[in-house]
Amino acid sequence: MDVGLVCRLANILPSPVLESDGKLDGAIDHRIIVCTLCRDVPTGIRSGESLCADLRSRLSAHDEPAVSHGFTIEGVECMAGCARPLTVAFQAPGKATYLFGSIDAEADAGDLVRFAWLYASLADGWCNSGQRPPRLAGKTLARIPAPGKLAGDSR
């Protein structure tokens, strides 16, 4: 992880609750869900499976334990984001869910890993577009509040 990026994020993000070993407090099951049916617009190739493999590799090599061991990568045949393929979702209990579309499997993989780090560090998963990695800011299709979040509670 780029130290400069970590410092910039630390200034704008709420601090996660950390245990003494640097892992996020509590066991949270983070999931990244990738559509395996979507075809890349320019090539017509289904790249979801290869993106899953790439993300597994990149996340397992990450130096942050909450990222390297805190995510499950799953492929699913269709997330109804067909107008903006390739779609990728981030989900965890008690956190907002994100759905991204128009993902370029090769060009966006690094920013998906950066978002995984950000998402793991946020207690409720909530962030604004300016906090998301640049290549993902305009690709957000939905941010769904966690179950139980008050309807009138907006940020």
N, C-alpha and C. Protein backbone atom coordinates (compact mmCIF):
# COMPACT_ATOMS: atom_id res chain seq x y z
N MET A 1 0.85 -1.17 0.00
CA MET A 1 0.00 0.00 0.00
C MET A 1 0.89 1.23 0.00
N ASP A 2 0.56 2.19 -0.81
CA ASP A 2 1.28 3.45 -0.90
C ASP A 2 1.14 4.21 0.42
N VAL A 3 2.26 4.52 1.06
CA VAL A 3 2.24 5.19 2.36
C VAL A 3 1.56 6.55 2.26
N GLY A 4 1.80 7.28 1.18
CA GLY A 4 1.15 8.58 1.00
C GLY A 4 -0.35 8.44 0.95
N LEU A 5 -0.84 7.41 0.27
CA LEU A 5 -2.27 7.17 0.18
C LEU A 5 -2.83 6.85 1.56
N VAL A 6 -2.12 6.03 2.33
CA VAL A 6 -2.57 5.68 3.67
C VAL A 6 -2.69 6.94 4.53
N CYS A 7 -1.70 7.81 4.45
CA CYS A 7 -1.73 9.05 5.23
C CYS A 7 -2.90 9.94 4.81
N ARG A 8 -3.12 10.06 3.50
CA ARG A 8 -4.23 10.89 3.02
C ARG A 8 -5.56 10.30 3.48
N LEU A 9 -5.71 8.98 3.38
CA LEU A 9 -6.94 8.34 3.80
C LEU A 9 -7.14 8.47 5.31
N ALA A 10 -6.07 8.38 6.08
CA ALA A 10 -6.18 8.49 7.53
C ALA A 10 -6.72 9.84 7.95
N ASN A 11 -6.45 10.87 7.16
CA ASN A 11 -6.94 12.20 7.48
C ASN A 11 -8.41 12.40 7.16
N ILE A 12 -8.98 11.58 6.27
CA ILE A 12 -10.38 11.80 5.89
C ILE A 12 -11.31 10.68 6.32
N LEU A 13 -10.76 9.56 6.76
CA LEU A 13 -11.59 8.42 7.13
C LEU A 13 -11.77 8.34 8.63
N PRO A 14 -12.92 7.81 9.08
CA PRO A 14 -13.04 7.54 10.50
C PRO A 14 -12.06 6.41 10.86
N SER A 15 -11.54 6.47 12.07
CA SER A 15 -10.58 5.45 12.48
C SER A 15 -11.30 4.16 12.79
N PRO A 16 -10.84 3.05 12.21
CA PRO A 16 -11.43 1.76 12.57
C PRO A 16 -10.96 1.38 13.97
N VAL A 17 -11.73 0.52 14.62
CA VAL A 17 -11.31 0.01 15.91
C VAL A 17 -10.34 -1.12 15.64
N LEU A 18 -9.10 -0.97 16.11
CA LEU A 18 -8.06 -1.96 15.83
C LEU A 18 -7.68 -2.71 17.09
N GLU A 19 -7.42 -3.99 16.96
CA GLU A 19 -6.86 -4.77 18.04
C GLU A 19 -5.36 -4.50 18.06
N SER A 20 -4.69 -4.97 19.08
CA SER A 20 -3.26 -4.69 19.21
C SER A 20 -2.43 -5.31 18.09
N ASP A 21 -2.93 -6.35 17.43
CA ASP A 21 -2.16 -6.96 16.34
C ASP A 21 -2.40 -6.27 15.01
N GLY A 22 -3.20 -5.19 14.99
CA GLY A 22 -3.42 -4.45 13.77
C GLY A 22 -4.59 -4.95 12.95
N LYS A 23 -5.25 -6.01 13.38
CA LYS A 23 -6.41 -6.51 12.65
C LYS A 23 -7.64 -5.73 13.09
N LEU A 24 -8.61 -5.65 12.22
CA LEU A 24 -9.85 -5.00 12.60
C LEU A 24 -10.50 -5.78 13.72
N ASP A 25 -11.07 -5.06 14.69
CA ASP A 25 -11.71 -5.68 15.83
C ASP A 25 -12.94 -6.46 15.38
N GLY A 26 -13.04 -7.69 15.79
CA GLY A 26 -14.19 -8.51 15.46
C GLY A 26 -14.00 -9.22 14.13
N ALA A 27 -14.68 -10.33 13.98
CA ALA A 27 -14.59 -11.11 12.74
C ALA A 27 -15.72 -10.69 11.82
N ILE A 28 -15.38 -10.02 10.75
CA ILE A 28 -16.37 -9.60 9.76
C ILE A 28 -16.09 -10.36 8.49
N ASP A 29 -17.12 -10.94 7.94
CA ASP A 29 -16.98 -11.68 6.69
C ASP A 29 -17.23 -10.72 5.53
N HIS A 30 -16.16 -10.26 4.93
CA HIS A 30 -16.25 -9.39 3.76
C HIS A 30 -16.33 -10.24 2.50
N ARG A 31 -17.16 -9.82 1.57
CA ARG A 31 -17.32 -10.55 0.31
C ARG A 31 -17.15 -9.58 -0.85
N ILE A 32 -16.47 -10.06 -1.88
CA ILE A 32 -16.44 -9.38 -3.17
C ILE A 32 -17.12 -10.34 -4.13
N ILE A 33 -18.17 -9.87 -4.76
CA ILE A 33 -18.96 -10.69 -5.66
C ILE A 33 -18.79 -10.15 -7.07
N VAL A 34 -18.42 -11.02 -8.00
CA VAL A 34 -18.12 -10.62 -9.37
C VAL A 34 -19.06 -11.35 -10.32
N CYS A 35 -19.65 -10.62 -11.24
CA CYS A 35 -20.49 -11.24 -12.26
C CYS A 35 -19.60 -12.03 -13.21
N THR A 36 -19.95 -13.29 -13.43
CA THR A 36 -19.16 -14.11 -14.34
C THR A 36 -19.83 -14.24 -15.71
N LEU A 37 -21.03 -13.68 -15.85
CA LEU A 37 -21.74 -13.76 -17.11
C LEU A 37 -21.51 -12.53 -17.99
N CYS A 38 -21.20 -11.39 -17.37
CA CYS A 38 -20.97 -10.15 -18.12
C CYS A 38 -19.88 -10.33 -19.17
N ARG A 39 -20.10 -9.73 -20.32
CA ARG A 39 -19.08 -9.70 -21.38
C ARG A 39 -18.51 -8.29 -21.47
N ASP A 40 -17.19 -8.21 -21.60
CA ASP A 40 -16.56 -6.90 -21.80
C ASP A 40 -17.13 -6.29 -23.08
N VAL A 41 -17.47 -5.02 -23.02
CA VAL A 41 -18.07 -4.36 -24.17
C VAL A 41 -17.16 -4.37 -25.39
N PRO A 42 -15.89 -3.95 -25.29
CA PRO A 42 -15.07 -3.91 -26.50
C PRO A 42 -14.69 -5.28 -27.06
N THR A 43 -14.45 -6.27 -26.18
CA THR A 43 -13.94 -7.55 -26.65
C THR A 43 -14.99 -8.65 -26.74
N GLY A 44 -16.07 -8.52 -25.97
CA GLY A 44 -17.08 -9.57 -25.93
C GLY A 44 -16.67 -10.77 -25.09
N ILE A 45 -15.55 -10.66 -24.41
CA ILE A 45 -15.02 -11.76 -23.59
C ILE A 45 -15.61 -11.67 -22.18
N ARG A 46 -15.97 -12.82 -21.63
CA ARG A 46 -16.39 -12.88 -20.23
C ARG A 46 -15.14 -12.89 -19.37
N SER A 47 -14.95 -11.84 -18.58
CA SER A 47 -13.71 -11.71 -17.80
C SER A 47 -13.93 -11.84 -16.30
N GLY A 48 -15.14 -12.18 -15.86
CA GLY A 48 -15.42 -12.27 -14.44
C GLY A 48 -14.59 -13.30 -13.71
N GLU A 49 -14.45 -14.50 -14.30
CA GLU A 49 -13.66 -15.56 -13.64
C GLU A 49 -12.19 -15.15 -13.52
N SER A 50 -11.65 -14.54 -14.57
CA SER A 50 -10.24 -14.13 -14.49
C SER A 50 -10.07 -12.98 -13.49
N LEU A 51 -11.07 -12.10 -13.38
CA LEU A 51 -11.00 -11.03 -12.37
C LEU A 51 -11.05 -11.64 -10.98
N CYS A 52 -11.88 -12.64 -10.75
CA CYS A 52 -11.92 -13.31 -9.45
C CYS A 52 -10.54 -13.86 -9.09
N ALA A 53 -9.91 -14.55 -10.02
CA ALA A 53 -8.58 -15.13 -9.78
C ALA A 53 -7.55 -14.03 -9.50
N ASP A 54 -7.61 -12.95 -10.27
CA ASP A 54 -6.67 -11.84 -10.09
C ASP A 54 -6.87 -11.20 -8.71
N LEU A 55 -8.12 -10.97 -8.32
CA LEU A 55 -8.39 -10.37 -7.01
C LEU A 55 -7.93 -11.28 -5.88
N ARG A 56 -8.18 -12.58 -6.00
CA ARG A 56 -7.71 -13.53 -4.97
C ARG A 56 -6.19 -13.42 -4.81
N SER A 57 -5.49 -13.38 -5.92
CA SER A 57 -4.04 -13.30 -5.89
C SER A 57 -3.57 -11.98 -5.26
N ARG A 58 -4.15 -10.89 -5.71
CA ARG A 58 -3.74 -9.57 -5.20
C ARG A 58 -4.07 -9.41 -3.72
N LEU A 59 -5.25 -9.87 -3.31
CA LEU A 59 -5.65 -9.72 -1.91
C LEU A 59 -4.80 -10.60 -1.00
N SER A 60 -4.51 -11.82 -1.42
CA SER A 60 -3.70 -12.71 -0.57
C SER A 60 -2.28 -12.18 -0.39
N ALA A 61 -1.80 -11.39 -1.33
CA ALA A 61 -0.45 -10.82 -1.23
C ALA A 61 -0.43 -9.49 -0.48
N HIS A 62 -1.59 -8.97 -0.09
CA HIS A 62 -1.66 -7.67 0.57
C HIS A 62 -1.03 -7.74 1.95
N ASP A 63 -0.36 -6.66 2.37
CA ASP A 63 0.33 -6.66 3.65
C ASP A 63 -0.59 -6.38 4.83
N GLU A 64 -1.83 -6.00 4.60
CA GLU A 64 -2.79 -5.74 5.67
C GLU A 64 -3.61 -7.01 5.92
N PRO A 65 -3.52 -7.62 7.12
CA PRO A 65 -4.24 -8.86 7.39
C PRO A 65 -5.75 -8.77 7.17
N ALA A 66 -6.35 -7.61 7.48
CA ALA A 66 -7.80 -7.47 7.28
C ALA A 66 -8.17 -7.58 5.80
N VAL A 67 -7.23 -7.31 4.92
CA VAL A 67 -7.46 -7.44 3.48
C VAL A 67 -7.02 -8.82 3.00
N SER A 68 -5.82 -9.25 3.38
CA SER A 68 -5.30 -10.52 2.85
C SER A 68 -6.08 -11.73 3.34
N HIS A 69 -6.69 -11.64 4.51
CA HIS A 69 -7.44 -12.78 5.05
C HIS A 69 -8.90 -12.46 5.32
N GLY A 70 -9.32 -11.25 5.04
CA GLY A 70 -10.66 -10.84 5.43
C GLY A 70 -11.71 -10.86 4.34
N PHE A 71 -11.35 -11.29 3.13
CA PHE A 71 -12.30 -11.25 2.02
C PHE A 71 -12.47 -12.62 1.37
N THR A 72 -13.70 -12.90 1.00
CA THR A 72 -14.02 -14.04 0.16
C THR A 72 -14.38 -13.47 -1.20
N ILE A 73 -13.84 -14.05 -2.26
CA ILE A 73 -14.16 -13.63 -3.62
C ILE A 73 -15.10 -14.68 -4.21
N GLU A 74 -16.24 -14.24 -4.70
CA GLU A 74 -17.23 -15.16 -5.24
C GLU A 74 -17.67 -14.71 -6.63
N GLY A 75 -17.86 -15.66 -7.51
CA GLY A 75 -18.43 -15.38 -8.82
C GLY A 75 -19.90 -15.75 -8.81
N VAL A 76 -20.70 -14.98 -9.51
CA VAL A 76 -22.12 -15.28 -9.62
C VAL A 76 -22.55 -15.00 -11.06
N GLU A 77 -23.43 -15.83 -11.57
CA GLU A 77 -23.91 -15.66 -12.94
C GLU A 77 -25.05 -14.65 -12.97
N CYS A 78 -24.71 -13.39 -13.08
CA CYS A 78 -25.61 -12.27 -13.29
C CYS A 78 -25.99 -11.55 -12.01
N MET A 79 -25.71 -10.26 -12.02
CA MET A 79 -26.13 -9.36 -10.94
C MET A 79 -27.03 -8.26 -11.49
N ALA A 80 -27.58 -8.48 -12.69
CA ALA A 80 -28.53 -7.56 -13.33
C ALA A 80 -27.92 -6.18 -13.59
N GLY A 81 -26.63 -6.12 -13.81
CA GLY A 81 -25.97 -4.87 -14.17
C GLY A 81 -25.58 -4.89 -15.64
N CYS A 82 -26.38 -5.57 -16.43
CA CYS A 82 -26.05 -5.84 -17.84
C CYS A 82 -25.78 -4.58 -18.66
N ALA A 83 -26.40 -3.47 -18.30
CA ALA A 83 -26.18 -2.22 -19.04
C ALA A 83 -24.80 -1.64 -18.75
N ARG A 84 -24.15 -2.09 -17.66
CA ARG A 84 -22.83 -1.57 -17.26
C ARG A 84 -21.89 -2.71 -16.87
N PRO A 85 -21.66 -3.67 -17.78
CA PRO A 85 -20.80 -4.80 -17.42
C PRO A 85 -19.35 -4.34 -17.30
N LEU A 86 -18.64 -4.92 -16.60
CA LEU A 86 -18.60 -6.00 -15.66
C LEU A 86 -19.00 -5.45 -14.29
N THR A 87 -19.87 -6.14 -13.53
CA THR A 87 -20.30 -5.64 -12.23
C THR A 87 -19.59 -6.38 -11.10
N VAL A 88 -19.31 -5.62 -10.04
CA VAL A 88 -18.61 -6.13 -8.86
C VAL A 88 -19.27 -5.52 -7.63
N ALA A 89 -19.55 -6.34 -6.61
CA ALA A 89 -20.17 -5.87 -5.38
C ALA A 89 -19.26 -6.14 -4.19
N PHE A 90 -19.35 -5.27 -3.19
CA PHE A 90 -18.67 -5.43 -1.91
C PHE A 90 -19.76 -5.50 -0.85
N GLN A 91 -19.64 -6.49 0.04
CA GLN A 91 -20.70 -6.74 1.01
C GLN A 91 -20.10 -7.27 2.30
N ALA A 92 -20.67 -6.86 3.44
CA ALA A 92 -20.27 -7.39 4.75
C ALA A 92 -21.42 -7.13 5.72
N PRO A 93 -21.59 -8.00 6.71
CA PRO A 93 -22.64 -7.80 7.70
C PRO A 93 -22.47 -6.46 8.41
N GLY A 94 -23.56 -5.73 8.54
CA GLY A 94 -23.54 -4.46 9.25
C GLY A 94 -22.93 -3.31 8.48
N LYS A 95 -22.59 -3.52 7.20
CA LYS A 95 -21.97 -2.48 6.39
C LYS A 95 -22.82 -2.19 5.15
N ALA A 96 -22.65 -0.99 4.64
CA ALA A 96 -23.26 -0.64 3.36
C ALA A 96 -22.70 -1.58 2.29
N THR A 97 -23.54 -1.91 1.32
CA THR A 97 -23.12 -2.73 0.19
C THR A 97 -22.89 -1.80 -1.00
N TYR A 98 -21.85 -2.07 -1.77
CA TYR A 98 -21.54 -1.28 -2.97
C TYR A 98 -21.64 -2.15 -4.20
N LEU A 99 -22.19 -1.58 -5.27
CA LEU A 99 -22.22 -2.24 -6.57
C LEU A 99 -21.55 -1.31 -7.56
N PHE A 100 -20.50 -1.82 -8.20
CA PHE A 100 -19.77 -1.07 -9.22
C PHE A 100 -20.04 -1.70 -10.57
N GLY A 101 -20.10 -0.87 -11.62
CA GLY A 101 -20.29 -1.36 -12.98
C GLY A 101 -19.30 -0.74 -13.93
N SER A 102 -19.29 -1.22 -15.16
CA SER A 102 -18.34 -0.78 -16.18
C SER A 102 -16.90 -1.02 -15.74
N ILE A 103 -16.69 -2.14 -15.06
CA ILE A 103 -15.36 -2.49 -14.55
C ILE A 103 -14.52 -3.07 -15.68
N ASP A 104 -13.33 -2.54 -15.82
CA ASP A 104 -12.33 -3.08 -16.74
C ASP A 104 -11.47 -4.02 -15.92
N ALA A 105 -11.58 -5.32 -16.18
CA ALA A 105 -10.93 -6.33 -15.35
C ALA A 105 -9.44 -6.07 -15.16
N GLU A 106 -8.76 -5.62 -16.19
CA GLU A 106 -7.31 -5.38 -16.08
C GLU A 106 -7.00 -4.03 -15.46
N ALA A 107 -7.63 -2.98 -15.94
CA ALA A 107 -7.29 -1.63 -15.50
C ALA A 107 -7.80 -1.29 -14.11
N ASP A 108 -8.91 -1.90 -13.68
CA ASP A 108 -9.53 -1.53 -12.41
C ASP A 108 -9.17 -2.44 -11.25
N ALA A 109 -8.47 -3.54 -11.48
CA ALA A 109 -8.17 -4.50 -10.42
C ALA A 109 -7.43 -3.85 -9.25
N GLY A 110 -6.47 -3.01 -9.53
CA GLY A 110 -5.72 -2.35 -8.46
C GLY A 110 -6.60 -1.47 -7.60
N ASP A 111 -7.51 -0.72 -8.23
CA ASP A 111 -8.41 0.14 -7.45
C ASP A 111 -9.46 -0.68 -6.71
N LEU A 112 -9.83 -1.84 -7.21
CA LEU A 112 -10.74 -2.73 -6.46
C LEU A 112 -10.05 -3.21 -5.18
N VAL A 113 -8.76 -3.51 -5.25
CA VAL A 113 -8.01 -3.91 -4.06
C VAL A 113 -7.88 -2.72 -3.10
N ARG A 114 -7.63 -1.53 -3.62
CA ARG A 114 -7.57 -0.34 -2.77
C ARG A 114 -8.91 -0.09 -2.09
N PHE A 115 -10.00 -0.31 -2.83
CA PHE A 115 -11.32 -0.15 -2.22
C PHE A 115 -11.55 -1.22 -1.16
N ALA A 116 -11.06 -2.44 -1.37
CA ALA A 116 -11.19 -3.49 -0.36
C ALA A 116 -10.53 -3.05 0.94
N TRP A 117 -9.34 -2.44 0.85
CA TRP A 117 -8.65 -1.94 2.03
C TRP A 117 -9.50 -0.87 2.71
N LEU A 118 -10.01 0.07 1.93
CA LEU A 118 -10.86 1.14 2.47
C LEU A 118 -12.10 0.55 3.12
N TYR A 119 -12.79 -0.32 2.42
CA TYR A 119 -14.03 -0.93 2.90
C TYR A 119 -13.79 -1.69 4.21
N ALA A 120 -12.72 -2.44 4.29
CA ALA A 120 -12.40 -3.19 5.50
C ALA A 120 -12.14 -2.25 6.67
N SER A 121 -11.63 -1.05 6.40
CA SER A 121 -11.28 -0.12 7.47
C SER A 121 -12.46 0.69 8.00
N LEU A 122 -13.57 0.68 7.29
CA LEU A 122 -14.74 1.48 7.68
C LEU A 122 -15.70 0.65 8.53
N ALA A 123 -16.04 1.14 9.71
CA ALA A 123 -16.91 0.38 10.61
C ALA A 123 -18.27 0.09 9.99
N ASP A 124 -18.84 1.05 9.26
CA ASP A 124 -20.16 0.84 8.66
C ASP A 124 -20.10 0.73 7.13
N GLY A 125 -18.89 0.77 6.57
CA GLY A 125 -18.73 0.64 5.13
C GLY A 125 -19.09 1.88 4.34
N TRP A 126 -19.50 2.93 5.01
CA TRP A 126 -20.02 4.12 4.34
C TRP A 126 -18.89 5.06 3.97
N CYS A 127 -18.82 5.43 2.69
CA CYS A 127 -17.85 6.43 2.23
C CYS A 127 -18.45 7.19 1.06
N ASN A 128 -17.92 8.37 0.81
CA ASN A 128 -18.43 9.15 -0.32
C ASN A 128 -17.54 8.93 -1.54
N SER A 129 -17.98 9.43 -2.67
CA SER A 129 -17.26 9.16 -3.92
C SER A 129 -15.83 9.70 -3.90
N GLY A 130 -15.57 10.77 -3.18
CA GLY A 130 -14.23 11.34 -3.10
C GLY A 130 -13.26 10.46 -2.33
N GLN A 131 -13.76 9.56 -1.50
CA GLN A 131 -12.90 8.66 -0.73
C GLN A 131 -12.55 7.40 -1.52
N ARG A 132 -13.37 7.07 -2.51
CA ARG A 132 -13.14 5.85 -3.30
C ARG A 132 -11.98 6.06 -4.25
N PRO A 133 -11.28 4.99 -4.60
CA PRO A 133 -10.20 5.12 -5.58
C PRO A 133 -10.71 5.76 -6.87
N PRO A 134 -9.90 6.58 -7.50
CA PRO A 134 -10.34 7.38 -8.65
C PRO A 134 -11.06 6.61 -9.76
N ARG A 135 -10.57 5.44 -10.12
CA ARG A 135 -11.19 4.70 -11.23
C ARG A 135 -12.57 4.16 -10.86
N LEU A 136 -12.90 4.10 -9.56
CA LEU A 136 -14.19 3.58 -9.14
C LEU A 136 -15.22 4.66 -8.84
N ALA A 137 -14.77 5.89 -8.62
CA ALA A 137 -15.68 6.97 -8.21
C ALA A 137 -16.85 7.13 -9.17
N GLY A 138 -16.63 7.09 -10.45
CA GLY A 138 -17.71 7.25 -11.42
C GLY A 138 -18.37 5.95 -11.84
N LYS A 139 -17.96 4.84 -11.22
CA LYS A 139 -18.49 3.53 -11.60
C LYS A 139 -19.42 2.95 -10.54
N THR A 140 -19.76 3.76 -9.54
CA THR A 140 -20.64 3.29 -8.48
C THR A 140 -22.08 3.27 -8.99
N LEU A 141 -22.67 2.07 -9.03
CA LEU A 141 -24.06 1.93 -9.45
C LEU A 141 -25.00 2.06 -8.27
N ALA A 142 -24.58 1.58 -7.11
CA ALA A 142 -25.43 1.65 -5.92
C ALA A 142 -24.60 1.55 -4.66
N ARG A 143 -25.09 2.24 -3.64
CA ARG A 143 -24.59 2.08 -2.26
C ARG A 143 -25.84 1.81 -1.45
N ILE A 144 -25.95 0.62 -0.92
CA ILE A 144 -27.15 0.19 -0.21
C ILE A 144 -26.85 0.16 1.28
N PRO A 145 -27.62 0.91 2.07
CA PRO A 145 -27.37 0.92 3.52
C PRO A 145 -27.50 -0.48 4.12
N ALA A 146 -26.77 -0.69 5.19
CA ALA A 146 -26.86 -1.98 5.90
C ALA A 146 -28.25 -2.11 6.51
N PRO A 147 -28.75 -3.34 6.63
CA PRO A 147 -30.03 -3.53 7.30
C PRO A 147 -30.01 -2.92 8.70
N GLY A 148 -31.10 -2.25 9.06
CA GLY A 148 -31.19 -1.63 10.37
C GLY A 148 -30.74 -0.19 10.41
N LYS A 149 -30.12 0.30 9.35
CA LYS A 149 -29.70 1.71 9.30
C LYS A 149 -30.96 2.56 9.18
N LEU A 150 -31.07 3.57 9.99
CA LEU A 150 -32.26 4.41 9.97
C LEU A 150 -32.44 5.09 8.64
N ALA A 151 -33.66 5.10 8.13
CA ALA A 151 -33.96 5.68 6.82
C ALA A 151 -33.61 7.15 6.77
N GLY A 152 -33.75 7.89 7.85
CA GLY A 152 -33.47 9.32 7.85
C GLY A 152 -32.03 9.66 8.14
N ASP A 153 -31.20 8.66 8.40
CA ASP A 153 -29.79 8.89 8.73
C ASP A 153 -28.99 8.96 7.44
N SER A 154 -28.69 10.14 6.98
CA SER A 154 -27.89 10.28 5.75
C SER A 154 -26.61 11.01 6.07
N ARG A 155 -25.61 10.76 5.22
CA ARG A 155 -24.31 11.45 5.39
C ARG A 155 -23.96 12.14 4.12
